[in-house]
PDB file of N, CA and C in Angstrom:
ATOM      1  N   UNK A   1       0.884  -1.183   0.066  1.00  0.00           N
ATOM      2  CA  UNK A   1       0.113  -0.059   0.006  1.00  0.00           C
ATOM      3  C   UNK A   1       0.794   1.250   0.044  1.00  0.00           C
ATOM      4  N   UNK A   2       1.985   1.250   0.684  1.00  0.00           N
ATOM      5  CA  UNK A   2       2.709   2.418   0.939  1.00  0.00           C
ATOM      6  C   UNK A   2       3.387   2.706  -0.654  1.00  0.00           C
ATOM      7  N   UNK A   3       3.830   1.851  -1.148  1.00  0.00           N
ATOM      8  CA  UNK A   3       4.556   1.916  -2.485  1.00  0.00           C
ATOM      9  C   UNK A   3       3.586   2.569  -3.503  1.00  0.00           C
ATOM     10  N   UNK A   4       2.300   2.179  -3.628  1.00  0.00           N
ATOM     11  CA  UNK A   4       1.191   2.494  -4.211  1.00  0.00           C
ATOM     12  C   UNK A   4       1.004   4.166  -3.937  1.00  0.00           C
ATOM     13  N   UNK A   5       0.892   4.357  -2.813  1.00  0.00           N
ATOM     14  CA  UNK A   5       0.636   5.989  -2.171  1.00  0.00           C
ATOM     15  C   UNK A   5       2.004   6.789  -2.683  1.00  0.00           C
ATOM     16  N   UNK A   6       3.175   6.210  -2.698  1.00  0.00           N
ATOM     17  CA  UNK A   6       4.183   7.068  -2.953  1.00  0.00           C
ATOM     18  C   UNK A   6       4.339   7.374  -4.476  1.00  0.00           C
ATOM     19  N   UNK A   7       3.846   6.407  -5.108  1.00  0.00           N
ATOM     20  CA  UNK A   7       3.833   6.387  -6.671  1.00  0.00           C
ATOM     21  C   UNK A   7       2.694   7.351  -7.097  1.00  0.00           C
ATOM     22  N   UNK A   8       1.624   7.224  -6.506  1.00  0.00           N
ATOM     23  CA  UNK A   8       0.466   8.119  -6.621  1.00  0.00           C
ATOM     24  C   UNK A   8       0.566   9.619  -6.137  1.00  0.00           C
ATOM     25  N   UNK A   9       1.352   9.883  -5.057  1.00  0.00           N
ATOM     26  CA  UNK A   9       1.798  11.038  -4.610  1.00  0.00           C
ATOM     27  C   UNK A   9       2.938  11.801  -5.432  1.00  0.00           C
ATOM     28  N   UNK A  10       3.739  11.040  -5.944  1.00  0.00           N
ATOM     29  CA  UNK A  10       4.729  11.614  -7.101  1.00  0.00           C
ATOM     30  C   UNK A  10       4.100  12.032  -8.269  1.00  0.00           C
ATOM     31  N   UNK A  11       2.968  11.235  -8.751  1.00  0.00           N
ATOM     32  CA  UNK A  11       2.348  11.804  -9.819  1.00  0.00           C
ATOM     33  C   UNK A  11       1.506  12.911  -9.621  1.00  0.00           C
ATOM     34  N   UNK A  12       0.863  12.912  -8.558  1.00  0.00           N
ATOM     35  CA  UNK A  12      -0.024  14.012  -8.313  1.00  0.00           C
ATOM     36  C   UNK A  12       0.648  15.327  -8.122  1.00  0.00           C
ATOM     37  N   UNK A  13       1.704  15.271  -7.234  1.00  0.00           N
ATOM     38  CA  UNK A  13       2.416  16.454  -7.103  1.00  0.00           C
ATOM     39  C   UNK A  13       3.645  16.840  -7.809  1.00  0.00           C
ATOM     40  N   UNK A  14       3.838  15.869  -8.970  1.00  0.00           N
ATOM     41  CA  UNK A  14       4.993  16.021  -9.831  1.00  0.00           C
ATOM     42  C   UNK A  14       6.287  16.253  -9.147  1.00  0.00           C
ATOM     43  N   UNK A  15       6.551  15.471  -8.287  1.00  0.00           N
ATOM     44  CA  UNK A  15       7.932  15.365  -7.572  1.00  0.00           C
ATOM     45  C   UNK A  15       8.935  15.185  -8.686  1.00  0.00           C
ATOM     46  N   UNK A  16       9.893  16.130  -8.893  1.00  0.00           N
ATOM     47  CA  UNK A  16      10.936  16.273  -9.624  1.00  0.00           C
ATOM     48  C   UNK A  16      11.888  15.176  -9.503  1.00  0.00           C
ATOM     49  N   UNK A  17      12.261  15.029  -7.990  1.00  0.00           N
ATOM     50  CA  UNK A  17      13.354  13.984  -7.743  1.00  0.00           C
ATOM     51  C   UNK A  17      12.668  12.496  -8.340  1.00  0.00           C
ATOM     52  N   UNK A  18      11.535  12.292  -8.287  1.00  0.00           N
ATOM     53  CA  UNK A  18      11.166  11.024  -8.549  1.00  0.00           C
ATOM     54  C   UNK A  18      11.214  10.750  -9.970  1.00  0.00           C
ATOM     55  N   UNK A  19      10.975  11.738 -10.845  1.00  0.00           N
ATOM     56  CA  UNK A  19      10.800  11.596 -12.257  1.00  0.00           C
ATOM     57  C   UNK A  19      12.127  11.763 -13.042  1.00  0.00           C
ATOM     58  N   UNK A  20      13.111  12.195 -12.062  1.00  0.00           N
ATOM     59  CA  UNK A  20      14.523  12.447 -12.581  1.00  0.00           C
ATOM     60  C   UNK A  20      15.274  11.007 -12.357  1.00  0.00           C
ATOM     61  N   UNK A  21      14.500  10.125 -11.618  1.00  0.00           N
ATOM     62  CA  UNK A  21      15.320   8.780 -11.541  1.00  0.00           C
ATOM     63  C   UNK A  21      15.542   8.028 -12.901  1.00  0.00           C
ATOM     64  N   UNK A  22      16.848   7.251 -13.012  1.00  0.00           N
ATOM     65  CA  UNK A  22      17.080   6.427 -14.115  1.00  0.00           C
ATOM     66  C   UNK A  22      15.948   5.674 -14.812  1.00  0.00           C
ATOM     67  N   UNK A  23      15.331   4.854 -13.706  1.00  0.00           N
ATOM     68  CA  UNK A  23      14.330   4.101 -14.263  1.00  0.00           C
ATOM     69  C   UNK A  23      12.859   4.800 -14.779  1.00  0.00           C
ATOM     70  N   UNK A  24      12.707   5.943 -14.149  1.00  0.00           N
ATOM     71  CA  UNK A  24      11.442   6.710 -14.708  1.00  0.00           C
ATOM     72  C   UNK A  24      11.856   7.496 -15.856  1.00  0.00           C
ATOM     73  N   UNK A  25      12.989   7.881 -16.153  1.00  0.00           N
ATOM     74  CA  UNK A  25      13.261   8.547 -17.292  1.00  0.00           C
ATOM     75  C   UNK A  25      12.972   7.863 -18.576  1.00  0.00           C
ATOM     76  N   UNK A  26      13.319   6.655 -18.646  1.00  0.00           N
ATOM     77  CA  UNK A  26      12.848   5.578 -19.802  1.00  0.00           C
ATOM     78  C   UNK A  26      11.312   5.807 -20.050  1.00  0.00           C
ATOM     79  N   UNK A  27      10.390   5.818 -18.868  1.00  0.00           N
ATOM     80  CA  UNK A  27       8.827   6.163 -19.267  1.00  0.00           C
ATOM     81  C   UNK A  27       8.882   7.687 -19.775  1.00  0.00           C
ATOM     82  N   UNK A  28       9.386   8.654 -19.028  1.00  0.00           N
ATOM     83  CA  UNK A  28       9.271   9.854 -19.339  1.00  0.00           C
ATOM     84  C   UNK A  28       9.485  10.215 -20.809  1.00  0.00           C
ATOM     85  N   UNK A  29      10.617   9.531 -21.364  1.00  0.00           N
ATOM     86  CA  UNK A  29      11.233   9.671 -22.773  1.00  0.00           C
ATOM     87  C   UNK A  29      10.116   8.971 -23.597  1.00  0.00           C
ATOM     88  N   UNK A  30       9.692   7.961 -23.329  1.00  0.00           N
ATOM     89  CA  UNK A  30       8.626   7.252 -24.081  1.00  0.00           C
ATOM     90  C   UNK A  30       7.224   7.829 -24.124  1.00  0.00           C
ATOM     91  N   UNK A  31       6.701   8.168 -23.010  1.00  0.00           N
ATOM     92  CA  UNK A  31       5.345   8.812 -22.881  1.00  0.00           C
ATOM     93  C   UNK A  31       5.321  10.206 -22.731  1.00  0.00           C
ATOM     94  N   UNK A  32       6.301  11.024 -22.522  1.00  0.00           N
ATOM     95  CA  UNK A  32       6.334  12.346 -21.836  1.00  0.00           C
ATOM     96  C   UNK A  32       5.963  12.402 -20.530  1.00  0.00           C
ATOM     97  N   UNK A  33       6.250  13.516 -19.986  1.00  0.00           N
ATOM     98  CA  UNK A  33       5.964  13.818 -18.585  1.00  0.00           C
ATOM     99  C   UNK A  33       4.318  13.775 -18.294  1.00  0.00           C
ATOM    100  N   UNK A  34       3.672  14.141 -18.886  1.00  0.00           N
ATOM    101  CA  UNK A  34       2.122  14.096 -18.629  1.00  0.00           C
ATOM    102  C   UNK A  34       1.654  12.486 -18.580  1.00  0.00           C
ATOM    103  N   UNK A  35       2.110  11.771 -19.893  1.00  0.00           N
ATOM    104  CA  UNK A  35       1.832  10.398 -19.759  1.00  0.00           C
ATOM    105  C   UNK A  35       2.534   9.629 -18.975  1.00  0.00           C
ATOM    106  N   UNK A  36       3.784   9.921 -18.327  1.00  0.00           N
ATOM    107  CA  UNK A  36       4.433   9.292 -17.394  1.00  0.00           C
ATOM    108  C   UNK A  36       3.623   9.403 -16.011  1.00  0.00           C
ATOM    109  N   UNK A  37       3.231  10.855 -15.875  1.00  0.00           N
ATOM    110  CA  UNK A  37       2.492  11.060 -14.402  1.00  0.00           C
ATOM    111  C   UNK A  37       1.181  10.245 -14.456  1.00  0.00           C
ATOM    112  N   UNK A  38       0.330  10.054 -15.658  1.00  0.00           N
ATOM    113  CA  UNK A  38      -0.894   9.420 -15.568  1.00  0.00           C
ATOM    114  C   UNK A  38      -0.411   7.889 -15.455  1.00  0.00           C
ATOM    115  N   UNK A  39       0.527   7.317 -16.226  1.00  0.00           N
ATOM    116  CA  UNK A  39       0.822   6.100 -15.820  1.00  0.00           C
ATOM    117  C   UNK A  39       1.106   5.705 -14.548  1.00  0.00           C
ATOM    118  N   UNK A  40       1.972   6.569 -13.948  1.00  0.00           N
ATOM    119  CA  UNK A  40       2.407   6.222 -12.410  1.00  0.00           C
ATOM    120  C   UNK A  40       1.146   6.556 -11.622  1.00  0.00           C
ATOM    121  N   UNK A  41       0.395   7.570 -11.894  1.00  0.00           N
ATOM    122  CA  UNK A  41      -0.945   7.481 -11.063  1.00  0.00           C
ATOM    123  C   UNK A  41      -1.840   6.414 -11.111  1.00  0.00           C
ATOM    124  N   UNK A  42      -2.029   5.826 -12.350  1.00  0.00           N
ATOM    125  CA  UNK A  42      -2.909   4.614 -12.353  1.00  0.00           C
ATOM    126  C   UNK A  42      -2.111   3.363 -11.589  1.00  0.00           C
ATOM    127  N   UNK A  43      -0.991   3.276 -11.962  1.00  0.00           N
ATOM    128  CA  UNK A  43      -0.368   2.193 -11.111  1.00  0.00           C
ATOM    129  C   UNK A  43      -0.301   2.428  -9.585  1.00  0.00           C
ATOM    130  N   UNK A  44      -0.244   3.621  -9.243  1.00  0.00           N
ATOM    131  CA  UNK A  44      -0.107   3.950  -7.756  1.00  0.00           C
ATOM    132  C   UNK A  44      -1.465   3.677  -7.173  1.00  0.00           C
ATOM    133  N   UNK A  45      -2.676   3.756  -7.898  1.00  0.00           N
ATOM    134  CA  UNK A  45      -3.977   3.351  -7.412  1.00  0.00           C
ATOM    135  C   UNK A  45      -4.113   2.088  -7.443  1.00  0.00           C
ATOM    136  N   UNK A  46      -3.748   1.226  -8.470  1.00  0.00           N
ATOM    137  CA  UNK A  46      -3.833  -0.188  -8.502  1.00  0.00           C
ATOM    138  C   UNK A  46      -2.906  -0.757  -7.406  1.00  0.00           C
ATOM    139  N   UNK A  47      -1.857  -0.409  -7.073  1.00  0.00           N
ATOM    140  CA  UNK A  47      -1.068  -1.107  -5.973  1.00  0.00           C
ATOM    141  C   UNK A  47      -1.682  -0.629  -4.721  1.00  0.00           C
ATOM    142  N   UNK A  48      -2.230   0.538  -4.440  1.00  0.00           N
ATOM    143  CA  UNK A  48      -2.822   1.005  -3.429  1.00  0.00           C
ATOM    144  C   UNK A  48      -4.063   0.109  -2.927  1.00  0.00           C
ATOM    145  N   UNK A  49      -4.925  -0.120  -3.875  1.00  0.00           N
ATOM    146  CA  UNK A  49      -6.065  -0.854  -3.863  1.00  0.00           C
ATOM    147  C   UNK A  49      -5.819  -2.405  -3.448  1.00  0.00           C
ATOM    148  N   UNK A  50      -4.759  -2.734  -4.402  1.00  0.00           N
ATOM    149  CA  UNK A  50      -4.374  -4.244  -4.251  1.00  0.00           C
ATOM    150  C   UNK A  50      -3.743  -4.388  -2.808  1.00  0.00           C
ATOM    151  N   UNK A  51      -3.118  -3.618  -2.404  1.00  0.00           N
ATOM    152  CA  UNK A  51      -2.424  -3.662  -0.784  1.00  0.00           C
ATOM    153  C   UNK A  51      -3.673  -3.617   0.195  1.00  0.00           C
ATOM    154  N   UNK A  52      -4.460  -2.813  -0.042  1.00  0.00           N
ATOM    155  CA  UNK A  52      -5.782  -2.638   0.978  1.00  0.00           C
ATOM    156  C   UNK A  52      -6.355  -3.861   0.792  1.00  0.00           C
ATOM    157  N   UNK A  53      -6.612  -4.463  -0.543  1.00  0.00           N
ATOM    158  CA  UNK A  53      -7.403  -5.583  -0.666  1.00  0.00           C
ATOM    159  C   UNK A  53      -6.842  -6.787   0.223  1.00  0.00           C
ATOM    160  N   UNK A  54      -5.429  -6.896   0.081  1.00  0.00           N
ATOM    161  CA  UNK A  54      -4.650  -7.853   0.740  1.00  0.00           C
ATOM    162  C   UNK A  54      -4.770  -7.664   2.139  1.00  0.00           C
ATOM    163  N   UNK A  55      -4.237  -6.585   2.733  1.00  0.00           N
ATOM    164  CA  UNK A  55      -4.380  -6.168   4.060  1.00  0.00           C
ATOM    165  C   UNK A  55      -5.444  -6.361   4.841  1.00  0.00           C
ATOM    166  N   UNK A  56      -6.612  -5.935   4.269  1.00  0.00           N
ATOM    167  CA  UNK A  56      -7.879  -5.826   5.134  1.00  0.00           C
ATOM    168  C   UNK A  56      -8.929  -6.840   4.601  1.00  0.00           C
ATOM    169  N   UNK A  57      -8.329  -7.775   3.715  1.00  0.00           N
ATOM    170  CA  UNK A  57      -9.189  -8.881   3.367  1.00  0.00           C
ATOM    171  C   UNK A  57     -10.526  -8.675   2.620  1.00  0.00           C
ATOM    172  N   UNK A  58     -10.492  -7.457   1.966  1.00  0.00           N
ATOM    173  CA  UNK A  58     -11.568  -7.069   1.220  1.00  0.00           C
ATOM    174  C   UNK A  58     -11.786  -7.886  -0.051  1.00  0.00           C
ATOM    175  N   UNK A  59     -13.046  -7.831  -0.476  1.00  0.00           N
ATOM    176  CA  UNK A  59     -13.289  -8.727  -1.662  1.00  0.00           C
ATOM    177  C   UNK A  59     -13.413  -8.217  -2.961  1.00  0.00           C
ATOM    178  N   UNK A  60     -12.481  -7.116  -3.329  1.00  0.00           N
ATOM    179  CA  UNK A  60     -12.719  -6.424  -4.490  1.00  0.00           C
ATOM    180  C   UNK A  60     -12.151  -7.059  -5.640  1.00  0.00           C
ATOM    181  N   UNK A  61     -11.090  -7.941  -5.505  1.00  0.00           N
ATOM    182  CA  UNK A  61     -10.481  -8.760  -6.366  1.00  0.00           C
ATOM    183  C   UNK A  61     -10.787 -10.168  -6.615  1.00  0.00           C
TER     184      UNK A  61
END
């Protein structure tokens, strides 16, 4: 859950440090900064929901 929240926060607040990392630069070059932010926001939401599902035993998936 924490990993997903971190990714979502980085995408939402456009953390320069996060998007200057070597692994994020590949996605920024491929999709542009707006596309990379959108992809990271969606992945962050997915990982957060998946973590909440696993931790709290919800029946979403």
